[in-house]
């Protein structure tokens, strides 16, 4: 295996030092067991951080209506607080074992810019880390198409420093999409008001989505999943 550069974002790391490490490892083991037991039944895997995990909270009604049923039959592999290196650790330690989905929905990177300054982790490093996550998913699930999402807008105002930093990451990671194995999905603009602000009705803390936000995500995502699962032809 190619050696990884010495950047924290790209070195697989568990969260044993996390305040809620017991919860984190418990969720990891529970989902790994679920994948081992019911893996072939899952058509879609969602991989990411708390925004993905919260399909089980603010997005639960939407998930139960759309993704829990037999048409899309999805598994939620989102973990609150995870950065790219934590997702890499999970993927390298069996998180996808037993799964053979048609699509892997990937949304990751927002915590990298929350928890490290830009001098500690410039956009190029975050982008390289996301690329490694994509590569690892493709390695573990070679038949799946990766629906790679842009990091979602955060902060109330369009000039929010984190939002601008994440936009620079998005400029880089969108180049990972080839239109065949990796599809680019950027629904961030659909979350915003006409003046570019992010409303609490869409993201209650200007990061995490409300049910309205999950409805917007679903509407944007379904054409990609329909393509991956063979319900439609070309990707959007």
Foldseek 3Di string as FASTA:
>chain_A
DDDDDPAVLAAADAPPVDPVSVVRVVVLVVLLVVLQVPAAQAQEEEAEEVLQVCCVPQVVVVCVVPCCDRVHNYDGHYYHLDALNNSVNSLVVRNCPNHAHLEYEYAHHLNVCVPDPCVSPPLVNSLVSVLSSLVSCCVSHVNHAYAYEQHAAFDFAPVPPSRVRSVSNSVRNCVVDPQPRYHYFYLRVVQADPRRGHDCQQVVRRHHGGNVVSVSVCVRCVQQSCCSVVVDDGGD
